[in-house]
Protein backbone atom coordinates (compact mmCIF):
# COMPACT_ATOMS: atom_id res chain seq x y z
CA MET A 1 -20.08 1.20 15.52
CA THR A 2 -16.88 0.11 17.12
CA SER A 3 -13.58 2.11 16.45
CA LEU A 4 -12.15 -1.47 15.24
CA SER A 5 -15.18 -2.02 12.27
CA PHE A 6 -15.06 1.31 11.49
CA ALA A 7 -11.13 1.23 11.22
CA PHE A 8 -11.48 -1.68 8.82
CA ALA A 9 -14.75 -0.28 6.71
CA HIS A 10 -12.06 2.45 5.64
CA SER A 11 -9.12 0.17 5.10
CA LEU A 12 -11.69 -2.06 3.39
CA PRO A 13 -9.41 -2.24 -0.25
CA GLU A 14 -6.41 -2.51 1.59
CA ILE A 15 -8.30 -5.49 3.20
CA ILE A 16 -9.06 -7.06 0.05
CA LEU A 17 -6.11 -6.78 -1.52
CA ALA A 18 -3.76 -8.12 1.70
CA ALA A 19 -6.00 -11.44 1.90
CA GLY A 20 -6.81 -11.62 -1.93
CA ALA A 21 -2.75 -11.74 -2.08
CA LEU A 22 -2.52 -15.26 0.57
CA VAL A 23 -5.15 -16.40 -1.03
CA LEU A 24 -3.26 -16.25 -4.65
CA ILE A 25 0.23 -17.59 -2.86
CA LEU A 26 -2.15 -20.58 -1.62
CA ILE A 27 -3.71 -21.38 -5.16
CA GLY A 28 -0.56 -20.36 -7.33
CA ALA A 29 1.19 -22.75 -4.06
CA ILE A 30 -1.22 -25.89 -4.53
CA ARG A 31 -1.79 -25.29 -8.28
CA GLY A 32 1.96 -24.52 -9.65
CA ARG A 33 2.54 -24.30 -13.03
CA GLU A 34 -0.95 -25.00 -14.26
CA SER A 35 -2.36 -21.88 -12.29
CA ASP A 36 -0.63 -19.26 -14.63
CA GLY A 37 -3.60 -17.85 -16.53
CA PRO A 38 -6.43 -18.15 -14.43
CA LEU A 39 -3.94 -16.64 -11.46
CA THR A 40 -3.56 -12.98 -13.57
CA GLU A 41 -6.95 -13.36 -14.14
CA LEU A 42 -8.16 -13.56 -10.72
CA ALA A 43 -6.09 -10.92 -9.30
CA ILE A 44 -7.23 -8.63 -12.34
CA GLY A 45 -11.04 -9.13 -10.43
CA LEU A 46 -9.03 -8.74 -7.26
CA ILE A 47 -7.18 -5.21 -8.19
CA GLY A 48 -11.29 -4.89 -9.34
CA ILE A 49 -13.34 -4.99 -6.41
CA ALA A 50 -10.62 -2.92 -4.72
CA LEU A 51 -11.17 -0.31 -6.85
CA ALA A 52 -15.43 -0.78 -7.11
CA VAL A 53 -15.15 -0.44 -3.67
CA THR A 54 -13.04 2.53 -3.62
CA VAL A 55 -14.90 4.03 -5.75
CA LEU A 56 -18.08 3.20 -4.31
CA SER A 57 -16.54 4.74 -0.89
CA THR A 58 -15.63 8.53 -2.15
CA LYS A 59 -19.18 9.55 -0.47
CA SER A 60 -18.01 8.91 3.29
CA ALA A 61 -16.07 11.35 5.59
CA SER A 62 -12.36 11.52 5.91
CA ALA A 63 -11.40 9.26 8.93
CA VAL A 64 -8.00 8.75 10.81
CA ILE A 65 -7.93 4.93 11.85
CA PHE A 66 -5.10 2.67 13.65
CA GLU A 67 -4.39 5.08 16.08
CA GLY A 68 -3.48 7.81 13.71
CA ALA A 69 -1.47 5.86 11.42
CA PHE A 70 -3.42 6.07 8.53
CA ILE A 71 -6.09 8.55 7.04
CA ASP A 72 -9.00 7.94 4.44
CA ASP A 73 -9.92 11.73 2.91
CA PRO A 74 -10.80 11.83 -0.75
CA PHE A 75 -7.59 12.68 -1.43
CA GLY A 76 -6.23 9.64 -0.91
CA ARG A 77 -9.09 8.01 -2.23
CA PHE A 78 -8.61 9.51 -5.44
CA MET A 79 -4.86 8.34 -5.80
CA LYS A 80 -5.70 5.24 -4.19
CA ILE A 81 -8.13 5.00 -7.87
CA LEU A 82 -5.13 6.09 -9.97
CA ALA A 83 -2.89 2.94 -8.59
CA LEU A 84 -5.64 0.65 -8.78
CA THR A 85 -5.58 1.45 -12.50
CA GLY A 86 -2.55 1.72 -12.96
CA SER A 87 -2.06 -1.55 -11.43
CA LEU A 88 -4.68 -3.58 -13.61
CA ILE A 89 -3.41 -1.78 -16.58
CA SER A 90 0.16 -3.11 -15.97
CA LEU A 91 -1.58 -6.70 -15.54
CA PHE A 92 -3.43 -6.38 -18.95
CA MET A 93 -0.90 -4.92 -20.69
CA GLY A 94 1.71 -7.61 -19.18
CA GLN A 95 -0.50 -10.84 -20.31
CA ASP A 96 0.43 -10.80 -23.88
CA TYR A 97 4.68 -9.72 -23.02
CA LEU A 98 5.17 -12.47 -20.29
CA ALA A 99 3.62 -15.49 -22.57
CA ARG A 100 5.77 -14.32 -25.41
CA GLU A 101 8.39 -14.40 -23.61
CA LYS A 102 8.09 -17.92 -21.70
CA ILE A 103 8.40 -16.26 -18.34
CA ASP A 104 3.86 -15.94 -17.75
CA LYS A 105 4.94 -17.63 -13.92
CA PHE A 106 2.12 -17.39 -11.41
CA GLU A 107 4.22 -15.08 -8.96
CA PHE A 108 3.69 -12.19 -11.55
CA PRO A 109 -0.06 -11.19 -11.16
CA ILE A 110 0.98 -11.64 -7.01
CA LEU A 111 3.55 -9.27 -6.82
CA ILE A 112 1.88 -6.59 -8.60
CA VAL A 113 -0.89 -6.92 -6.15
CA LEU A 114 1.65 -6.85 -3.02
CA SER A 115 2.86 -4.10 -4.98
CA THR A 116 -0.18 -1.90 -4.69
CA LEU A 117 -1.23 -2.86 -1.38
CA GLY A 118 2.19 -1.38 -0.45
CA MET A 119 0.93 2.15 -2.84
CA LEU A 120 -2.48 2.11 -0.96
CA MET A 121 -0.79 2.12 2.28
CA LEU A 122 2.09 4.87 1.43
CA ILE A 123 -0.95 6.83 0.08
CA SER A 124 -2.60 6.54 3.03
CA ALA A 125 0.20 6.75 5.21
CA THR A 126 0.57 9.96 8.27
CA GLY A 127 3.30 8.44 10.28
CA LEU A 128 6.49 7.15 9.72
CA ILE A 129 6.29 3.51 10.26
CA ALA A 130 3.35 3.37 8.24
CA LEU A 131 5.19 5.32 5.55
CA TYR A 132 8.08 3.22 5.74
CA LEU A 133 5.70 -0.42 5.61
CA GLY A 134 3.85 0.79 2.70
CA LEU A 135 7.14 2.09 0.72
CA GLU A 136 9.23 -1.64 1.06
CA LEU A 137 6.03 -3.17 0.96
CA MET A 138 5.75 -1.64 -2.58
CA SER A 139 9.68 -1.91 -3.49
CA LEU A 140 10.53 -5.85 -2.18
CA ALA A 141 7.90 -6.38 -4.42
CA LEU A 142 9.21 -4.06 -7.86
CA TYR A 143 12.67 -5.37 -6.95
CA VAL A 144 11.76 -8.70 -7.52
CA ILE A 145 9.36 -7.93 -10.79
CA ALA A 146 12.35 -5.95 -12.04
CA ALA A 147 14.53 -9.00 -12.19
CA PHE A 148 11.43 -11.55 -13.25
CA HIS A 149 13.01 -12.59 -16.40
CA ARG A 150 15.76 -14.64 -14.73
CA ASP A 151 16.89 -15.47 -18.07
CA ASN A 152 17.85 -12.07 -19.13
CA VAL A 153 21.24 -10.78 -18.20
CA LYS A 154 20.12 -6.87 -17.94
CA ALA A 155 16.76 -8.19 -16.35
CA SER A 156 18.86 -9.44 -13.45
CA GLU A 157 21.12 -6.49 -13.51
CA ALA A 158 18.57 -4.18 -12.98
CA GLY A 159 16.57 -6.07 -10.40
CA LEU A 160 19.84 -5.97 -8.16
CA LYS A 161 20.82 -1.87 -8.97
CA TYR A 162 17.19 -1.34 -8.20
CA PHE A 163 18.07 -3.66 -4.85
CA VAL A 164 20.70 -1.80 -3.73
CA LEU A 165 19.95 1.82 -4.98
CA GLY A 166 15.84 1.08 -2.88
CA ALA A 167 18.30 -0.28 0.63
CA LEU A 168 20.69 2.75 0.50
CA SER A 169 17.40 4.99 -0.07
CA SER A 170 15.58 3.20 2.70
CA GLY A 171 18.65 3.51 5.34
CA MET A 172 18.43 6.92 4.28
CA LEU A 173 14.70 7.03 4.80
CA LEU A 174 14.90 5.60 8.22
CA TYR A 175 18.10 7.75 9.26
CA GLY A 176 16.18 10.62 8.52
CA ALA A 177 13.05 9.53 10.54
CA SER A 178 15.35 8.71 13.46
CA LEU A 179 16.14 11.73 13.12
CA ILE A 180 13.28 14.00 13.41
CA TYR A 181 12.07 10.91 15.83
CA GLY A 182 13.99 11.93 18.27
CA PHE A 183 14.58 15.90 17.69
CA SER A 184 10.89 15.99 18.53
């Protein structure tokens, strides 16, 4: 097995979520408003597939992949199972609320999938750049989810506050990472 296929085998849940998010975006953009329900079901299936792949790979050995940027180990797989399960529960629980509030748009399940992808990258990160990429992918999707109910003033305020606080903390994290990199 070549090193690239070895790395892809150990990062299969992330690849499934990334490719699935792109497909969901295409389906949502092509179908428009009528894709609200089926897209949520597709996102649940997509996260379920990633969860099944993660559970089935628990017997494989630990591996450091992509030139040391990510690690695939038993504790990381356990945390990925928890993150994927939490995302599935969020999608299940969110369906009724979104329909009741009349904000069931096709973007919501896509944002959950992208946020979950960021969580999985954050769990597996070993380097500062990989950690930052996972954190930002997770956070940017969650900023939009926080302000998803655009007609609600409280939701807009929450999204704006979350974005400002996240941008500030992200800048501090990058500054600290640059100091660590510079000193080492």
